[in-house]
Amino acid sequence: MHTAKIRGGVVAMLFVCLLSGFVAGPRFARPLSRRFRHWQGSEAPHTPSGQRMGSLPGLFFWAWERPEDLRFLEKKDAGVAFLAKTIYIPAPNENLRGNSLHIRPRLQPFRVAPSTPLVAVVRIETRAGRQAAAYFFAAARSSSPAHYTAQQRAHAVAEIADLANLPNVRAIQVDFDATVSERAFYSALLSDVREKLPSSVPLSITALASWCIGDAWLEQLPPGTIDEAVPMLFRMGPDAANVAKFLSTGADFPVRACQGSLGVTTDEPLSGAMLGAAPNQAIRATRNKRIYIFAPRAWTQPAAEAVLQEWQP
C-alpha cells in the first residue's frame, strides 16, 4: 500500500511538472480549454433523466460568494452557475430552535445580462462536514446514518426547490460533500427535491471525484433523480494522486451520472494536468463534457474572454 501511494504521488508530481506553466487568469484558460477537446467525442452529453440538460450551454462560469459582474457574457454561448444560498443543517443534538436549519442567502452583489442562462447553486454544510478529513477519508469513517430529522429535510427541500422561481434560472445545482453517514439523508433529499421541481428543470449536483471512480454510491439513486454529477477535479486533498493516476489512463468515469461534465479551476496546475494527458483512443472516444470553471477571484472580462475564444467560432 505504501508503494502504491508513492507511485500515485509520483504520477501526480509528473503531471504538475508537465503543467507547471499553468497559472491563474487568461494564460491558464486557453491551454486548459484546448485540453478539454481531447475529452470530446461526437456524442451528446449524458443526460440520465432525458434531455433536460440538453438546452444548456456547454460552458459555465462558477460565481461564488463575492461581488461578480458578468454582464460581458451577454450574447455569449456560456452560462453562470452562481451561489444562491448556503444551508447549514445542525445535528439534532445541537439544541437549536426546532432542530431546523440556518439559511444564509447570497450577500454579495451579482450582475448578469438578462439573456445569460443561470444555474442556481445551493451549498449544504453540516457539522460532519466541518470535521477534519470528513470528505477525503469518508470511506474509513462510520457508516451509521446521520440522524437528521424529517423536518430538517423538508425545510431544506423547500429552500432548494424555491430557487427554480428566480428569474432566468434554468437548473438547480446542489453542492454537498456528504460523508458516508450522510448519504441516506442526501439520497432522500435529492429524491424529494426532484419531486418538487418542475419536470423541465434539471437537477445537477457536484461530486467528489472519488464518487465518480471507485465509490459508486450515486448509482444507487432512483433513476431520474439527478441529471448530472459534476466531478470536482480540484481542491481534492489526498485524493488528488489517485484521481490523476486514473485520468492518466484516458478512461472515462465509470459512474454514468459523472460522464457528462467536469469541474475545474483556474488556479491549480493539477486541475489542468488531469485534463492534459496526451490524446489517445480512449480519450477521443469519451463523450462531450459540460465544463464548469471556478476562479479564486472575481471573473474579469479578459480572463473570461480567453476561455470563450477557444469555445466560440
C-alpha atoms as a PDB file:
ATOM      1  CA  MET A   1       0.000   0.000   0.000  1.00  0.00           C
ATOM      2  CA  HIS A   2       2.849   2.362   0.847  1.00  0.00           C
ATOM      3  CA  THR A   3       4.433   1.656  -2.541  1.00  0.00           C
ATOM      4  CA  ALA A   4       1.128   2.363  -4.291  1.00  0.00           C
ATOM      5  CA  LYS A   5       0.830   5.708  -2.542  1.00  0.00           C
ATOM      6  CA  ILE A   6       4.352   6.649  -3.578  1.00  0.00           C
ATOM      7  CA  ARG A   7       3.649   5.623  -7.165  1.00  0.00           C
ATOM      8  CA  GLY A   8       0.450   7.673  -7.176  1.00  0.00           C
ATOM      9  CA  GLY A   9       2.323  10.640  -5.771  1.00  0.00           C
ATOM     10  CA  VAL A  10       4.965  10.369  -8.497  1.00  0.00           C
ATOM     11  CA  VAL A  11       2.263  10.374 -11.170  1.00  0.00           C
ATOM     12  CA  ALA A  12       0.726  13.484  -9.646  1.00  0.00           C
ATOM     13  CA  MET A  13       4.091  15.240  -9.468  1.00  0.00           C
ATOM     14  CA  LEU A  14       4.833  14.405 -13.104  1.00  0.00           C
ATOM     15  CA  PHE A  15       1.523  15.885 -14.090  1.00  0.00           C
ATOM     16  CA  VAL A  16       2.257  19.035 -12.113  1.00  0.00           C
ATOM     17  CA  CYS A  17       5.645  19.391 -13.760  1.00  0.00           C
ATOM     18  CA  LEU A  18       4.156  18.991 -17.223  1.00  0.00           C
ATOM     19  CA  LEU A  19       1.642  21.737 -16.487  1.00  0.00           C
ATOM     20  CA  SER A  20       3.836  23.947 -14.321  1.00  0.00           C
ATOM     21  CA  GLY A  21       3.347  26.759 -16.789  1.00  0.00           C
ATOM     22  CA  PHE A  22      -0.370  26.929 -15.987  1.00  0.00           C
ATOM     23  CA  VAL A  23      -1.275  29.922 -13.860  1.00  0.00           C
ATOM     24  CA  ALA A  24      -4.473  31.703 -12.928  1.00  0.00           C
ATOM     25  CA  GLY A  25      -6.073  34.013 -15.443  1.00  0.00           C
ATOM     26  CA  PRO A  26      -6.100  34.160 -19.240  1.00  0.00           C
ATOM     27  CA  ARG A  27      -2.772  32.370 -19.726  1.00  0.00           C
ATOM     28  CA  PHE A  28      -4.189  29.360 -17.919  1.00  0.00           C
ATOM     29  CA  ALA A  29      -7.604  29.446 -19.547  1.00  0.00           C
ATOM     30  CA  ARG A  30      -6.578  28.966 -23.160  1.00  0.00           C
ATOM     31  CA  PRO A  31      -4.419  25.807 -22.842  1.00  0.00           C
ATOM     32  CA  LEU A  32      -6.912  24.349 -20.376  1.00  0.00           C
ATOM     33  CA  SER A  33      -9.842  24.747 -22.730  1.00  0.00           C
ATOM     34  CA  ARG A  34      -7.815  23.194 -25.564  1.00  0.00           C
ATOM     35  CA  ARG A  35      -7.247  20.144 -23.427  1.00  0.00           C
ATOM     36  CA  PHE A  36     -10.963  19.747 -22.833  1.00  0.00           C
ATOM     37  CA  ARG A  37     -11.217  18.988 -26.532  1.00  0.00           C
ATOM     38  CA  HIS A  38      -9.237  15.768 -26.044  1.00  0.00           C
ATOM     39  CA  TRP A  39     -12.199  14.613 -23.944  1.00  0.00           C
ATOM     40  CA  GLN A  40     -14.737  15.459 -26.624  1.00  0.00           C
ATOM     41  CA  GLY A  41     -16.318  12.979 -28.994  1.00  0.00           C
ATOM     42  CA  SER A  42     -19.263  13.042 -31.312  1.00  0.00           C
ATOM     43  CA  GLU A  43     -21.908  12.059 -28.764  1.00  0.00           C
ATOM     44  CA  ALA A  44     -24.112  14.437 -26.782  1.00  0.00           C
ATOM     45  CA  PRO A  45     -23.620  14.925 -23.024  1.00  0.00           C
ATOM     46  CA  HIS A  46     -25.039  12.130 -20.909  1.00  0.00           C
ATOM     47  CA  THR A  47     -28.492  13.023 -19.567  1.00  0.00           C
ATOM     48  CA  PRO A  48     -29.840  10.127 -17.468  1.00  0.00           C
ATOM     49  CA  SER A  49     -33.215  11.827 -16.963  1.00  0.00           C
ATOM     50  CA  GLY A  50     -33.953  12.596 -20.592  1.00  0.00           C
ATOM     51  CA  GLN A  51     -32.898  15.775 -22.331  1.00  0.00           C
ATOM     52  CA  ARG A  52     -33.365  18.356 -19.564  1.00  0.00           C
ATOM     53  CA  MET A  53     -29.694  19.387 -19.701  1.00  0.00           C
ATOM     54  CA  GLY A  54     -29.606  19.413 -23.485  1.00  0.00           C
ATOM     55  CA  SER A  55     -30.652  23.043 -23.904  1.00  0.00           C
ATOM     56  CA  LEU A  56     -27.987  24.402 -21.542  1.00  0.00           C
ATOM     57  CA  PRO A  57     -24.612  25.758 -22.730  1.00  0.00           C
ATOM     58  CA  GLY A  58     -21.548  23.551 -22.654  1.00  0.00           C
ATOM     59  CA  LEU A  59     -19.596  26.089 -20.590  1.00  0.00           C
ATOM     60  CA  PHE A  60     -20.467  27.616 -17.217  1.00  0.00           C
ATOM     61  CA  PHE A  61     -18.567  30.102 -15.096  1.00  0.00           C
ATOM     62  CA  TRP A  62     -18.977  29.485 -11.365  1.00  0.00           C
ATOM     63  CA  ALA A  63     -19.705  32.708  -9.446  1.00  0.00           C
ATOM     64  CA  TRP A  64     -19.153  32.125  -5.740  1.00  0.00           C
ATOM     65  CA  GLU A  65     -19.811  34.378  -2.715  1.00  0.00           C
ATOM     66  CA  ARG A  66     -18.112  37.597  -3.782  1.00  0.00           C
ATOM     67  CA  PRO A  67     -19.093  40.595  -5.904  1.00  0.00           C
ATOM     68  CA  GLU A  68     -19.406  39.413  -9.517  1.00  0.00           C
ATOM     69  CA  ASP A  69     -20.247  41.404 -12.632  1.00  0.00           C
ATOM     70  CA  LEU A  70     -20.564  39.069 -15.613  1.00  0.00           C
ATOM     71  CA  ARG A  71     -22.647  41.261 -17.890  1.00  0.00           C
ATOM     72  CA  PHE A  72     -19.940  40.956 -20.534  1.00  0.00           C
ATOM     73  CA  LEU A  73     -21.208  37.388 -21.182  1.00  0.00           C
ATOM     74  CA  GLU A  74     -24.248  38.788 -22.950  1.00  0.00           C
ATOM     75  CA  LYS A  75     -24.820  37.023 -26.285  1.00  0.00           C
ATOM     76  CA  LYS A  76     -22.048  34.534 -25.456  1.00  0.00           C
ATOM     77  CA  ASP A  77     -22.649  30.810 -25.603  1.00  0.00           C
ATOM     78  CA  ALA A  78     -21.981  30.407 -21.884  1.00  0.00           C
ATOM     79  CA  GLY A  79     -23.865  30.423 -18.626  1.00  0.00           C
ATOM     80  CA  VAL A  80     -23.244  31.288 -14.993  1.00  0.00           C
ATOM     81  CA  ALA A  81     -23.657  28.937 -12.051  1.00  0.00           C
ATOM     82  CA  PHE A  82     -23.970  31.265  -9.066  1.00  0.00           C
ATOM     83  CA  LEU A  83     -24.064  30.555  -5.352  1.00  0.00           C
ATOM     84  CA  ALA A  84     -27.620  31.488  -4.403  1.00  0.00           C
ATOM     85  CA  LYS A  85     -27.704  30.388  -0.759  1.00  0.00           C
ATOM     86  CA  THR A  86     -25.961  28.247   1.847  1.00  0.00           C
ATOM     87  CA  ILE A  87     -27.882  25.852   4.061  1.00  0.00           C
ATOM     88  CA  TYR A  88     -26.357  24.767   7.371  1.00  0.00           C
ATOM     89  CA  ILE A  89     -28.033  21.663   8.796  1.00  0.00           C
ATOM     90  CA  PRO A  90     -27.273  21.324  12.517  1.00  0.00           C
ATOM     91  CA  ALA A  91     -27.134  17.952  14.210  1.00  0.00           C
ATOM     92  CA  PRO A  92     -30.280  17.139  16.222  1.00  0.00           C
ATOM     93  CA  ASN A  93     -28.319  17.309  19.484  1.00  0.00           C
ATOM     94  CA  GLU A  94     -27.197  20.896  18.875  1.00  0.00           C
ATOM     95  CA  ASN A  95     -30.379  22.006  20.631  1.00  0.00           C
ATOM     96  CA  LEU A  96     -31.228  24.789  18.211  1.00  0.00           C
ATOM     97  CA  ARG A  97     -34.731  26.073  17.604  1.00  0.00           C
ATOM     98  CA  GLY A  98     -36.733  23.168  16.260  1.00  0.00           C
ATOM     99  CA  ASN A  99     -33.520  21.483  15.119  1.00  0.00           C
ATOM    100  CA  SER A 100     -34.207  23.138  11.779  1.00  0.00           C
ATOM    101  CA  LEU A 101     -31.795  24.995   9.510  1.00  0.00           C
ATOM    102  CA  HIS A 102     -29.668  28.089   9.198  1.00  0.00           C
ATOM    103  CA  ILE A 103     -30.218  29.725   5.804  1.00  0.00           C
ATOM    104  CA  ARG A 104     -27.600  32.175   4.548  1.00  0.00           C
ATOM    105  CA  PRO A 105     -28.729  33.943   1.376  1.00  0.00           C
ATOM    106  CA  ARG A 106     -26.260  35.319  -1.103  1.00  0.00           C
ATOM    107  CA  LEU A 107     -24.972  38.569   0.388  1.00  0.00           C
ATOM    108  CA  GLN A 108     -22.647  39.798  -2.364  1.00  0.00           C
ATOM    109  CA  PRO A 109     -23.845  41.644  -5.499  1.00  0.00           C
ATOM    110  CA  PHE A 110     -24.261  39.546  -8.620  1.00  0.00           C
ATOM    111  CA  ARG A 111     -24.898  41.060 -12.053  1.00  0.00           C
ATOM    112  CA  VAL A 112     -25.528  39.296 -15.353  1.00  0.00           C
ATOM    113  CA  ALA A 113     -27.178  40.154 -18.652  1.00  0.00           C
ATOM    114  CA  PRO A 114     -30.863  39.191 -18.834  1.00  0.00           C
ATOM    115  CA  SER A 115     -30.128  36.687 -21.606  1.00  0.00           C
ATOM    116  CA  THR A 116     -27.463  34.714 -19.696  1.00  0.00           C
ATOM    117  CA  PRO A 117     -28.595  31.196 -18.684  1.00  0.00           C
ATOM    118  CA  LEU A 118     -28.287  30.706 -14.935  1.00  0.00           C
ATOM    119  CA  VAL A 119     -27.819  27.718 -12.648  1.00  0.00           C
ATOM    120  CA  ALA A 120     -28.693  28.440  -9.014  1.00  0.00           C
ATOM    121  CA  VAL A 121     -26.242  26.681  -6.691  1.00  0.00           C
ATOM    122  CA  VAL A 122     -27.062  25.666  -3.124  1.00  0.00           C
ATOM    123  CA  ARG A 123     -24.196  24.870  -0.776  1.00  0.00           C
ATOM    124  CA  ILE A 124     -25.087  22.490   2.093  1.00  0.00           C
ATOM    125  CA  GLU A 125     -22.903  22.332   5.191  1.00  0.00           C
ATOM    126  CA  THR A 126     -23.169  20.123   8.265  1.00  0.00           C
ATOM    127  CA  ARG A 127     -21.184  19.538  11.427  1.00  0.00           C
ATOM    128  CA  ALA A 128     -19.888  16.254   9.991  1.00  0.00           C
ATOM    129  CA  GLY A 129     -18.534  18.132   7.010  1.00  0.00           C
ATOM    130  CA  ARG A 130     -16.612  20.506   9.284  1.00  0.00           C
ATOM    131  CA  GLN A 131     -14.563  17.737  10.867  1.00  0.00           C
ATOM    132  CA  ALA A 132     -11.047  17.190   9.585  1.00  0.00           C
ATOM    133  CA  ALA A 133     -10.822  14.711   6.687  1.00  0.00           C
ATOM    134  CA  ALA A 134     -14.593  14.192   6.700  1.00  0.00           C
ATOM    135  CA  TYR A 135     -14.661  14.113   2.897  1.00  0.00           C
ATOM    136  CA  PHE A 136     -11.383  12.653   1.775  1.00  0.00           C
ATOM    137  CA  PHE A 137     -11.369   9.764   4.216  1.00  0.00           C
ATOM    138  CA  ALA A 138     -15.117   9.214   4.322  1.00  0.00           C
ATOM    139  CA  ALA A 139     -14.760   5.539   3.485  1.00  0.00           C
ATOM    140  CA  ALA A 140     -12.850   4.968   6.712  1.00  0.00           C
ATOM    141  CA  ARG A 141     -15.456   6.711   8.851  1.00  0.00           C
ATOM    142  CA  SER A 142     -18.524   5.238  10.492  1.00  0.00           C
ATOM    143  CA  SER A 143     -21.283   4.396   8.037  1.00  0.00           C
ATOM    144  CA  SER A 144     -24.041   4.691  10.665  1.00  0.00           C
ATOM    145  CA  PRO A 145     -26.695   7.005   9.180  1.00  0.00           C
ATOM    146  CA  ALA A 146     -26.694  10.600  10.360  1.00  0.00           C
ATOM    147  CA  HIS A 147     -29.964  11.265  12.160  1.00  0.00           C
ATOM    148  CA  TYR A 148     -31.221  14.482  10.620  1.00  0.00           C
ATOM    149  CA  THR A 149     -34.922  14.978  11.153  1.00  0.00           C
ATOM    150  CA  ALA A 150     -37.770  14.790   8.634  1.00  0.00           C
ATOM    151  CA  GLN A 151     -38.479  18.440   9.461  1.00  0.00           C
ATOM    152  CA  GLN A 152     -34.937  19.434   8.526  1.00  0.00           C
ATOM    153  CA  ARG A 153     -35.127  17.549   5.257  1.00  0.00           C
ATOM    154  CA  ALA A 154     -38.487  19.033   4.318  1.00  0.00           C
ATOM    155  CA  HIS A 155     -37.233  22.534   5.122  1.00  0.00           C
ATOM    156  CA  ALA A 156     -34.071  22.033   3.046  1.00  0.00           C
ATOM    157  CA  VAL A 157     -36.077  20.620   0.130  1.00  0.00           C
ATOM    158  CA  ALA A 158     -38.386  23.647   0.133  1.00  0.00           C
ATOM    159  CA  GLU A 159     -35.439  26.068   0.245  1.00  0.00           C
ATOM    160  CA  ILE A 160     -33.744  24.354  -2.692  1.00  0.00           C
ATOM    161  CA  ALA A 161     -36.834  23.935  -4.864  1.00  0.00           C
ATOM    162  CA  ASP A 162     -37.797  27.578  -4.337  1.00  0.00           C
ATOM    163  CA  LEU A 163     -34.742  28.685  -6.339  1.00  0.00           C
ATOM    164  CA  ALA A 164     -36.407  27.489  -9.519  1.00  0.00           C
ATOM    165  CA  ASN A 165     -38.640  30.574  -9.225  1.00  0.00           C
ATOM    166  CA  LEU A 166     -35.738  33.019  -9.623  1.00  0.00           C
ATOM    167  CA  PRO A 167     -35.589  34.917 -12.947  1.00  0.00           C
ATOM    168  CA  ASN A 168     -33.794  33.096 -15.761  1.00  0.00           C
ATOM    169  CA  VAL A 169     -32.736  30.144 -13.577  1.00  0.00           C
ATOM    170  CA  ARG A 170     -32.587  27.155 -15.895  1.00  0.00           C
ATOM    171  CA  ALA A 171     -31.308  24.495 -13.469  1.00  0.00           C
ATOM    172  CA  ILE A 172     -30.572  23.828  -9.801  1.00  0.00           C
ATOM    173  CA  GLN A 173     -27.210  22.562  -8.550  1.00  0.00           C
ATOM    174  CA  VAL A 174     -26.633  21.126  -5.067  1.00  0.00           C
ATOM    175  CA  ASP A 175     -23.109  21.305  -3.621  1.00  0.00           C
ATOM    176  CA  PHE A 176     -22.896  18.907  -0.658  1.00  0.00           C
ATOM    177  CA  ASP A 177     -19.803  16.840   0.188  1.00  0.00           C
ATOM    178  CA  ALA A 178     -21.821  14.263   2.094  1.00  0.00           C
ATOM    179  CA  THR A 179     -19.939  11.858   4.324  1.00  0.00           C
ATOM    180  CA  VAL A 180     -20.764   8.135   4.296  1.00  0.00           C
ATOM    181  CA  SER A 181     -23.087   8.582   7.271  1.00  0.00           C
ATOM    182  CA  GLU A 182     -24.986  11.352   5.454  1.00  0.00           C
ATOM    183  CA  ARG A 183     -25.641   9.548   2.198  1.00  0.00           C
ATOM    184  CA  ALA A 184     -29.037   8.111   3.105  1.00  0.00           C
ATOM    185  CA  PHE A 185     -30.191  11.609   4.092  1.00  0.00           C
ATOM    186  CA  TYR A 186     -28.712  13.126   0.929  1.00  0.00           C
ATOM    187  CA  SER A 187     -30.313  10.491  -1.309  1.00  0.00           C
ATOM    188  CA  ALA A 188     -33.728  11.133   0.219  1.00  0.00           C
ATOM    189  CA  LEU A 189     -33.249  14.893  -0.033  1.00  0.00           C
ATOM    190  CA  LEU A 190     -32.367  14.692  -3.728  1.00  0.00           C
ATOM    191  CA  SER A 191     -35.374  12.470  -4.437  1.00  0.00           C
ATOM    192  CA  ASP A 192     -37.655  14.937  -2.646  1.00  0.00           C
ATOM    193  CA  VAL A 193     -36.169  17.916  -4.497  1.00  0.00           C
ATOM    194  CA  ARG A 194     -36.678  16.164  -7.831  1.00  0.00           C
ATOM    195  CA  GLU A 195     -40.353  15.632  -6.970  1.00  0.00           C
ATOM    196  CA  LYS A 196     -40.839  19.294  -6.080  1.00  0.00           C
ATOM    197  CA  LEU A 197     -39.075  20.773  -9.089  1.00  0.00           C
ATOM    198  CA  PRO A 198     -40.943  21.284 -12.358  1.00  0.00           C
ATOM    199  CA  SER A 199     -40.268  18.333 -14.643  1.00  0.00           C
ATOM    200  CA  SER A 200     -38.461  20.621 -17.116  1.00  0.00           C
ATOM    201  CA  VAL A 201     -35.903  21.922 -14.564  1.00  0.00           C
ATOM    202  CA  PRO A 202     -32.663  19.895 -14.420  1.00  0.00           C
ATOM    203  CA  LEU A 203     -31.156  18.878 -11.083  1.00  0.00           C
ATOM    204  CA  SER A 204     -27.355  18.906 -11.002  1.00  0.00           C
ATOM    205  CA  ILE A 205     -25.004  18.068  -8.144  1.00  0.00           C
ATOM    206  CA  THR A 206     -21.288  18.486  -7.576  1.00  0.00           C
ATOM    207  CA  ALA A 207     -19.464  15.235  -6.860  1.00  0.00           C
ATOM    208  CA  LEU A 208     -16.225  14.336  -5.158  1.00  0.00           C
ATOM    209  CA  ALA A 209     -14.015  12.701  -7.779  1.00  0.00           C
ATOM    210  CA  SER A 210     -13.932   9.530  -5.679  1.00  0.00           C
ATOM    211  CA  TRP A 211     -17.717   9.209  -6.097  1.00  0.00           C
ATOM    212  CA  CYS A 212     -17.183   9.001  -9.854  1.00  0.00           C
ATOM    213  CA  ILE A 213     -14.325   6.482  -9.859  1.00  0.00           C
ATOM    214  CA  GLY A 214     -14.389   3.834  -7.156  1.00  0.00           C
ATOM    215  CA  ASP A 215     -17.201   4.760  -4.770  1.00  0.00           C
ATOM    216  CA  ALA A 216     -20.294   4.346  -6.907  1.00  0.00           C
ATOM    217  CA  TRP A 217     -22.982   5.175  -4.347  1.00  0.00           C
ATOM    218  CA  LEU A 218     -24.576   7.602  -6.803  1.00  0.00           C
ATOM    219  CA  GLU A 219     -25.575   4.596  -8.901  1.00  0.00           C
ATOM    220  CA  GLN A 220     -27.978   3.656  -6.105  1.00  0.00           C
ATOM    221  CA  LEU A 221     -30.082   6.786  -6.548  1.00  0.00           C
ATOM    222  CA  PRO A 222     -33.509   6.114  -8.084  1.00  0.00           C
ATOM    223  CA  PRO A 223     -33.336   6.531 -11.879  1.00  0.00           C
ATOM    224  CA  GLY A 224     -34.073  10.086 -12.948  1.00  0.00           C
ATOM    225  CA  THR A 225     -33.198  11.699  -9.615  1.00  0.00           C
ATOM    226  CA  ILE A 226     -30.290  13.783 -10.932  1.00  0.00           C
ATOM    227  CA  ASP A 227     -29.426  14.950 -14.428  1.00  0.00           C
ATOM    228  CA  GLU A 228     -25.678  15.233 -13.890  1.00  0.00           C
ATOM    229  CA  ALA A 229     -22.983  14.865 -11.245  1.00  0.00           C
ATOM    230  CA  VAL A 230     -20.068  17.258 -11.832  1.00  0.00           C
ATOM    231  CA  PRO A 231     -16.724  15.638 -10.894  1.00  0.00           C
ATOM    232  CA  MET A 232     -14.796  18.245  -8.906  1.00  0.00           C
ATOM    233  CA  LEU A 233     -11.234  17.971 -10.176  1.00  0.00           C
ATOM    234  CA  PHE A 234      -9.712  20.489  -7.766  1.00  0.00           C
ATOM    235  CA  ARG A 235      -9.265  21.007  -4.020  1.00  0.00           C
ATOM    236  CA  MET A 236      -9.070  17.212  -3.783  1.00  0.00           C
ATOM    237  CA  GLY A 237      -6.541  16.890  -0.972  1.00  0.00           C
ATOM    238  CA  PRO A 238      -5.196  13.333  -0.525  1.00  0.00           C
ATOM    239  CA  ASP A 239      -7.445  12.074  -3.346  1.00  0.00           C
ATOM    240  CA  ALA A 240      -5.512  14.043  -5.969  1.00  0.00           C
ATOM    241  CA  ALA A 241      -2.809  11.462  -6.729  1.00  0.00           C
ATOM    242  CA  ASN A 242      -5.298   8.616  -7.182  1.00  0.00           C
ATOM    243  CA  VAL A 243      -7.556  10.700  -9.410  1.00  0.00           C
ATOM    244  CA  ALA A 244      -4.603  11.871 -11.516  1.00  0.00           C
ATOM    245  CA  LYS A 245      -3.483   8.271 -11.933  1.00  0.00           C
ATOM    246  CA  PHE A 246      -6.954   7.205 -13.050  1.00  0.00           C
ATOM    247  CA  LEU A 247      -7.350  10.040 -15.547  1.00  0.00           C
ATOM    248  CA  SER A 248      -3.891   9.428 -16.999  1.00  0.00           C
ATOM    249  CA  THR A 249      -5.261   6.161 -18.437  1.00  0.00           C
ATOM    250  CA  GLY A 250      -7.699   8.093 -20.616  1.00  0.00           C
ATOM    251  CA  ALA A 251     -10.681   6.168 -19.229  1.00  0.00           C
ATOM    252  CA  ASP A 252     -13.998   7.893 -18.664  1.00  0.00           C
ATOM    253  CA  PHE A 253     -15.651   7.831 -15.258  1.00  0.00           C
ATOM    254  CA  PRO A 254     -17.454   4.520 -14.663  1.00  0.00           C
ATOM    255  CA  VAL A 255     -20.366   6.249 -12.886  1.00  0.00           C
ATOM    256  CA  ARG A 256     -22.733   7.289 -15.660  1.00  0.00           C
ATOM    257  CA  ALA A 257     -24.009  10.443 -13.963  1.00  0.00           C
ATOM    258  CA  CYS A 258     -20.411  11.749 -13.926  1.00  0.00           C
ATOM    259  CA  GLN A 259     -19.749  11.251 -17.630  1.00  0.00           C
ATOM    260  CA  GLY A 260     -21.323  14.432 -18.957  1.00  0.00           C
ATOM    261  CA  SER A 261     -19.452  17.206 -17.134  1.00  0.00           C
ATOM    262  CA  LEU A 262     -16.264  18.320 -15.398  1.00  0.00           C
ATOM    263  CA  GLY A 263     -15.488  20.881 -12.698  1.00  0.00           C
ATOM    264  CA  VAL A 264     -12.092  22.583 -12.848  1.00  0.00           C
ATOM    265  CA  THR A 265     -10.360  25.688 -11.536  1.00  0.00           C
ATOM    266  CA  THR A 266      -8.039  28.315 -12.979  1.00  0.00           C
ATOM    267  CA  ASP A 267      -5.534  28.240 -10.131  1.00  0.00           C
ATOM    268  CA  GLU A 268      -4.374  24.619  -9.787  1.00  0.00           C
ATOM    269  CA  PRO A 269      -1.811  23.096 -12.146  1.00  0.00           C
ATOM    270  CA  LEU A 270      -3.061  19.642 -11.199  1.00  0.00           C
ATOM    271  CA  SER A 271      -6.585  20.503 -12.336  1.00  0.00           C
ATOM    272  CA  GLY A 272      -5.225  21.258 -15.789  1.00  0.00           C
ATOM    273  CA  ALA A 273      -2.790  18.365 -15.725  1.00  0.00           C
ATOM    274  CA  MET A 274      -5.500  15.789 -15.230  1.00  0.00           C
ATOM    275  CA  LEU A 275      -7.154  17.020 -18.419  1.00  0.00           C
ATOM    276  CA  GLY A 276      -3.904  17.489 -20.298  1.00  0.00           C
ATOM    277  CA  ALA A 277      -2.869  13.898 -20.904  1.00  0.00           C
ATOM    278  CA  ALA A 278      -1.685  13.147 -24.432  1.00  0.00           C
ATOM    279  CA  PRO A 279      -4.584  12.291 -26.743  1.00  0.00           C
ATOM    280  CA  ASN A 280      -5.234   8.606 -27.200  1.00  0.00           C
ATOM    281  CA  GLN A 281      -8.042   6.428 -28.446  1.00  0.00           C
ATOM    282  CA  ALA A 282      -9.724   6.175 -25.043  1.00  0.00           C
ATOM    283  CA  ILE A 283      -9.823   9.958 -24.600  1.00  0.00           C
ATOM    284  CA  ARG A 284     -11.060  10.599 -28.136  1.00  0.00           C
ATOM    285  CA  ALA A 285     -13.891   8.128 -27.556  1.00  0.00           C
ATOM    286  CA  THR A 286     -15.246   9.924 -24.477  1.00  0.00           C
ATOM    287  CA  ARG A 287     -18.477  11.887 -24.581  1.00  0.00           C
ATOM    288  CA  ASN A 288     -18.717  15.639 -24.839  1.00  0.00           C
ATOM    289  CA  LYS A 289     -18.352  17.318 -21.481  1.00  0.00           C
ATOM    290  CA  ARG A 290     -20.123  20.301 -19.980  1.00  0.00           C
ATOM    291  CA  ILE A 291     -17.396  22.350 -18.290  1.00  0.00           C
ATOM    292  CA  TYR A 292     -17.827  24.320 -15.062  1.00  0.00           C
ATOM    293  CA  ILE A 293     -14.886  26.633 -14.346  1.00  0.00           C
ATOM    294  CA  PHE A 294     -14.115  28.086 -10.921  1.00  0.00           C
ATOM    295  CA  ALA A 295     -11.777  31.016 -10.253  1.00  0.00           C
ATOM    296  CA  PRO A 296     -10.474  32.017  -6.794  1.00  0.00           C
ATOM    297  CA  ARG A 297     -11.065  35.686  -7.585  1.00  0.00           C
ATOM    298  CA  ALA A 298     -13.861  37.590  -9.292  1.00  0.00           C
ATOM    299  CA  TRP A 299     -14.076  36.972 -13.014  1.00  0.00           C
ATOM    300  CA  THR A 300     -12.696  39.663 -15.299  1.00  0.00           C
ATOM    301  CA  GLN A 301     -13.605  40.121 -18.927  1.00  0.00           C
ATOM    302  CA  PRO A 302     -10.074  39.299 -20.196  1.00  0.00           C
ATOM    303  CA  ALA A 303      -9.965  36.053 -18.206  1.00  0.00           C
ATOM    304  CA  ALA A 304     -13.405  35.001 -19.395  1.00  0.00           C
ATOM    305  CA  GLU A 305     -12.715  36.031 -22.996  1.00  0.00           C
ATOM    306  CA  ALA A 306      -9.609  33.841 -23.048  1.00  0.00           C
ATOM    307  CA  VAL A 307     -11.825  30.855 -22.255  1.00  0.00           C
ATOM    308  CA  LEU A 308     -14.582  31.863 -24.660  1.00  0.00           C
ATOM    309  CA  GLN A 309     -12.139  32.365 -27.521  1.00  0.00           C
ATOM    310  CA  GLU A 310     -11.430  28.651 -27.552  1.00  0.00           C
ATOM    311  CA  TRP A 311     -15.089  27.662 -27.357  1.00  0.00           C
ATOM    312  CA  GLN A 312     -16.812  30.001 -29.775  1.00  0.00           C
ATOM    313  CA  PRO A 313     -16.216  30.410 -33.509  1.00  0.00           C
END
